[in-house]
């Protein structure tokens, strides 16, 4: 079963996914910032994840969250929806 997450605009060049729980793991708020023509994501409490910087905000958030969940020993199917378009 795929979990759909919605990224909300939070100012110019910023999208956030509020904290959520999936497969018994609480994922802190995840943010993507538009820096140097790329979306750079991070999980609250962690550093910017430059290795997940991409041209698309949904892909950068997806990679960051998937990595976080894998570090927790989980690998659920997730889908990122961008409120207001990308």
Protein backbone atom coordinates (compact mmCIF):
# COMPACT_ATOMS: atom_id res chain seq x y z
CA UNK A 1 0.00 0.00 0.00
CA UNK A 2 1.35 3.39 -1.00
CA UNK A 3 1.43 6.24 1.52
CA UNK A 4 0.72 9.67 0.02
CA UNK A 5 2.39 12.68 1.63
CA UNK A 6 1.55 16.30 0.82
CA UNK A 7 4.26 18.96 0.65
CA UNK A 8 2.90 22.37 1.61
CA UNK A 9 4.33 25.71 0.43
CA UNK A 10 6.01 27.54 3.31
CA UNK A 11 7.27 30.71 1.65
CA UNK A 12 9.30 31.47 -1.45
CA UNK A 13 11.45 28.48 -2.37
CA UNK A 14 10.32 26.33 0.57
CA UNK A 15 8.10 23.25 0.81
CA UNK A 16 7.43 21.25 3.97
CA UNK A 17 5.86 17.93 4.83
CA UNK A 18 4.63 17.97 8.44
CA UNK A 19 5.76 15.22 10.78
CA UNK A 20 3.95 11.94 10.12
CA UNK A 21 3.90 8.30 11.14
CA UNK A 22 4.29 5.48 8.63
CA UNK A 23 4.98 1.79 9.33
CA UNK A 24 5.41 2.57 13.05
CA UNK A 25 8.13 5.17 12.38
CA UNK A 26 7.62 8.84 13.22
CA UNK A 27 9.28 10.96 10.56
CA UNK A 28 10.04 14.54 11.67
CA UNK A 29 9.02 17.49 9.49
CA UNK A 30 10.83 17.35 6.17
CA UNK A 31 11.75 20.55 4.31
CA UNK A 32 13.04 21.29 0.81
CA UNK A 33 14.78 24.59 0.05
CA UNK A 34 15.40 25.97 -3.44
CA UNK A 35 19.16 26.64 -3.45
CA UNK A 36 21.31 27.23 -6.54
CA UNK A 37 18.52 26.11 -8.90
CA UNK A 38 17.97 22.81 -7.09
CA UNK A 39 15.71 21.57 -4.31
CA UNK A 40 17.78 20.53 -1.31
CA UNK A 41 15.88 18.54 1.35
CA UNK A 42 16.47 17.84 5.02
CA UNK A 43 14.78 16.15 7.95
CA UNK A 44 14.31 18.39 11.02
CA UNK A 45 17.28 17.90 13.33
CA UNK A 46 19.57 16.80 10.49
CA UNK A 47 21.83 18.65 8.05
CA UNK A 48 20.90 19.59 4.49
CA UNK A 49 21.00 16.48 2.37
CA UNK A 50 23.00 17.74 -0.63
CA UNK A 51 23.22 14.20 -2.07
CA UNK A 52 19.44 14.31 -2.59
CA UNK A 53 19.37 17.72 -4.32
CA UNK A 54 17.30 17.51 -7.51
CA UNK A 55 15.53 19.76 -10.01
CA UNK A 56 12.15 18.51 -8.81
CA UNK A 57 10.97 19.17 -5.27
CA UNK A 58 8.91 15.97 -5.04
CA UNK A 59 11.86 13.78 -6.04
CA UNK A 60 14.24 15.46 -3.60
CA UNK A 61 11.74 15.03 -0.74
CA UNK A 62 11.04 11.43 -1.76
CA UNK A 63 14.73 10.49 -1.74
CA UNK A 64 15.31 12.17 1.62
CA UNK A 65 12.32 10.50 3.31
CA UNK A 66 13.04 7.11 1.76
CA UNK A 67 16.62 7.32 3.06
CA UNK A 68 15.38 8.24 6.55
CA UNK A 69 12.96 5.30 6.58
CA UNK A 70 15.63 2.90 5.32
CA UNK A 71 17.92 4.01 8.16
CA UNK A 72 15.06 3.01 10.49
CA UNK A 73 14.89 -0.41 8.86
CA UNK A 74 11.72 0.31 6.87
CA UNK A 75 11.05 0.52 3.13
CA UNK A 76 7.41 1.52 2.53
CA UNK A 77 6.07 2.78 -0.76
CA UNK A 78 5.58 6.55 -0.57
CA UNK A 79 4.24 9.14 -2.99
CA UNK A 80 4.83 12.90 -2.66
CA UNK A 81 2.16 15.36 -3.79
CA UNK A 82 3.08 19.04 -4.08
CA UNK A 83 0.27 21.38 -3.01
CA UNK A 84 0.01 24.18 -5.54
CA UNK A 85 2.15 22.40 -8.14
CA UNK A 86 5.89 22.28 -8.48
